[in-house]
Amino acid sequence: MESAALEPIRALLNQAYQTVMGKSCTRESEQAIVDFEKKHNVILPESYRDLLLYYGACHFGDPALYSVQELDWAYPAFVEAYHEY
């Protein structure tokens, strides 16, 4: 199923993911995303979730599209810093 949230930028995404950096990207599984959301009691925004499901994480530039594994590592530190702020 194609994501409606990505439709306005689909052509750009297709181009970007055909680059050297994009070809090495791996799609996330629905289960990996669900597990992350449950573990951290969050819900990823639909468009970000769809990017991970349909294209995968990639570091084209800023902002980077982080994988579930990277989010799992960084999210707790972000929450801690946010609460300190």
C-alpha atoms as a PDB file:
ATOM      1  CA  MET A   1       0.000   0.000   0.000  1.00  0.00           C
ATOM      2  CA  GLU A   2       1.366   3.393  -0.989  1.00  0.00           C
ATOM      3  CA  SER A   3       1.434   6.165   1.568  1.00  0.00           C
ATOM      4  CA  ALA A   4      -0.701   9.243   0.904  1.00  0.00           C
ATOM      5  CA  ALA A   5       1.492  11.237   3.290  1.00  0.00           C
ATOM      6  CA  LEU A   6       4.487  10.790   0.974  1.00  0.00           C
ATOM      7  CA  GLU A   7       2.657  11.479  -2.288  1.00  0.00           C
ATOM      8  CA  PRO A   8       3.631  15.171  -2.618  1.00  0.00           C
ATOM      9  CA  ILE A   9       7.348  14.275  -2.485  1.00  0.00           C
ATOM     10  CA  ARG A  10       7.340  10.746  -3.947  1.00  0.00           C
ATOM     11  CA  ALA A  11       9.199  11.720  -7.134  1.00  0.00           C
ATOM     12  CA  LEU A  12      11.958  13.391  -5.086  1.00  0.00           C
ATOM     13  CA  LEU A  13      12.168  10.414  -2.736  1.00  0.00           C
ATOM     14  CA  ASN A  14      12.462   8.008  -5.646  1.00  0.00           C
ATOM     15  CA  GLN A  15      15.311  10.098  -7.070  1.00  0.00           C
ATOM     16  CA  ALA A  16      17.071  10.427  -3.728  1.00  0.00           C
ATOM     17  CA  TYR A  17      16.885   6.731  -2.944  1.00  0.00           C
ATOM     18  CA  GLN A  18      18.443   5.909  -6.329  1.00  0.00           C
ATOM     19  CA  THR A  19      21.645   7.710  -5.355  1.00  0.00           C
ATOM     20  CA  VAL A  20      24.666   5.897  -3.953  1.00  0.00           C
ATOM     21  CA  MET A  21      23.585   6.801  -0.426  1.00  0.00           C
ATOM     22  CA  GLY A  22      19.977   5.781  -0.986  1.00  0.00           C
ATOM     23  CA  LYS A  23      20.684   2.392  -2.537  1.00  0.00           C
ATOM     24  CA  SER A  24      22.236   1.163   0.705  1.00  0.00           C
ATOM     25  CA  CYS A  25      19.124   2.003   2.745  1.00  0.00           C
ATOM     26  CA  THR A  26      17.097  -0.807   4.248  1.00  0.00           C
ATOM     27  CA  ARG A  27      13.366  -0.613   4.865  1.00  0.00           C
ATOM     28  CA  GLU A  28      12.156  -1.027   8.421  1.00  0.00           C
ATOM     29  CA  SER A  29       9.638  -3.702   9.275  1.00  0.00           C
ATOM     30  CA  GLU A  30       6.259  -2.802  10.697  1.00  0.00           C
ATOM     31  CA  GLN A  31       7.101  -4.955  13.713  1.00  0.00           C
ATOM     32  CA  ALA A  32      10.339  -3.065  14.421  1.00  0.00           C
ATOM     33  CA  ILE A  33       8.449   0.231  14.395  1.00  0.00           C
ATOM     34  CA  VAL A  34       5.654  -1.130  16.593  1.00  0.00           C
ATOM     35  CA  ASP A  35       8.206  -2.521  19.045  1.00  0.00           C
ATOM     36  CA  PHE A  36       9.974   0.858  19.259  1.00  0.00           C
ATOM     37  CA  GLU A  37       6.695   2.700  19.796  1.00  0.00           C
ATOM     38  CA  LYS A  38       5.634   0.310  22.542  1.00  0.00           C
ATOM     39  CA  LYS A  39       9.032   0.356  24.257  1.00  0.00           C
ATOM     40  CA  HIS A  40       9.155   4.150  24.404  1.00  0.00           C
ATOM     41  CA  ASN A  41       5.404   4.794  24.644  1.00  0.00           C
ATOM     42  CA  VAL A  42       5.384   7.036  21.564  1.00  0.00           C
ATOM     43  CA  ILE A  43       3.738   7.082  18.173  1.00  0.00           C
ATOM     44  CA  LEU A  44       5.898   8.072  15.228  1.00  0.00           C
ATOM     45  CA  PRO A  45       4.342  10.643  12.905  1.00  0.00           C
ATOM     46  CA  GLU A  46       2.627   8.975   9.936  1.00  0.00           C
ATOM     47  CA  SER A  47       4.937  10.481   7.333  1.00  0.00           C
ATOM     48  CA  TYR A  48       8.115   9.423   9.205  1.00  0.00           C
ATOM     49  CA  ARG A  49       6.711   5.944   9.788  1.00  0.00           C
ATOM     50  CA  ASP A  50       5.891   5.683   6.086  1.00  0.00           C
ATOM     51  CA  LEU A  51       9.382   6.843   5.088  1.00  0.00           C
ATOM     52  CA  LEU A  52      10.885   4.095   7.239  1.00  0.00           C
ATOM     53  CA  LEU A  53       8.474   1.456   5.912  1.00  0.00           C
ATOM     54  CA  TYR A  54       8.619   2.315   2.209  1.00  0.00           C
ATOM     55  CA  TYR A  55      12.144   3.662   1.795  1.00  0.00           C
ATOM     56  CA  GLY A  56      14.212   3.099   4.923  1.00  0.00           C
ATOM     57  CA  ALA A  57      16.469   5.306   6.974  1.00  0.00           C
ATOM     58  CA  CYS A  58      19.149   7.293   5.228  1.00  0.00           C
ATOM     59  CA  HIS A  59      21.555  10.124   5.977  1.00  0.00           C
ATOM     60  CA  PHE A  60      21.312  12.282   2.849  1.00  0.00           C
ATOM     61  CA  GLY A  61      21.934  15.410   4.849  1.00  0.00           C
ATOM     62  CA  ASP A  62      20.026  17.445   7.371  1.00  0.00           C
ATOM     63  CA  PRO A  63      17.638  16.270   8.604  1.00  0.00           C
ATOM     64  CA  ALA A  64      18.767  12.674   8.660  1.00  0.00           C
ATOM     65  CA  LEU A  65      16.204   9.882   8.485  1.00  0.00           C
ATOM     66  CA  TYR A  66      17.100   7.680  11.416  1.00  0.00           C
ATOM     67  CA  SER A  67      16.482   3.959  11.587  1.00  0.00           C
ATOM     68  CA  VAL A  68      14.550   2.353  14.421  1.00  0.00           C
ATOM     69  CA  GLN A  69      17.840   1.025  15.801  1.00  0.00           C
ATOM     70  CA  GLU A  70      19.314   4.539  15.832  1.00  0.00           C
ATOM     71  CA  LEU A  71      16.147   5.979  17.373  1.00  0.00           C
ATOM     72  CA  ASP A  72      16.176   3.282  20.037  1.00  0.00           C
ATOM     73  CA  TRP A  73      19.688   4.333  21.001  1.00  0.00           C
ATOM     74  CA  ALA A  74      19.153   8.117  20.825  1.00  0.00           C
ATOM     75  CA  TYR A  75      15.575   8.588  22.023  1.00  0.00           C
ATOM     76  CA  PRO A  76      16.180   7.929  25.747  1.00  0.00           C
ATOM     77  CA  ALA A  77      19.021  10.471  25.794  1.00  0.00           C
ATOM     78  CA  PHE A  78      16.802  13.009  24.023  1.00  0.00           C
ATOM     79  CA  VAL A  79      13.997  12.528  26.575  1.00  0.00           C
ATOM     80  CA  GLU A  80      16.457  12.922  29.448  1.00  0.00           C
ATOM     81  CA  ALA A  81      17.901  16.120  27.979  1.00  0.00           C
ATOM     82  CA  TYR A  82      14.399  17.436  27.271  1.00  0.00           C
ATOM     83  CA  HIS A  83      13.332  16.876  30.880  1.00  0.00           C
ATOM     84  CA  GLU A  84      16.491  18.599  32.150  1.00  0.00           C
ATOM     85  CA  TYR A  85      15.792  21.578  29.947  1.00  0.00           C
END
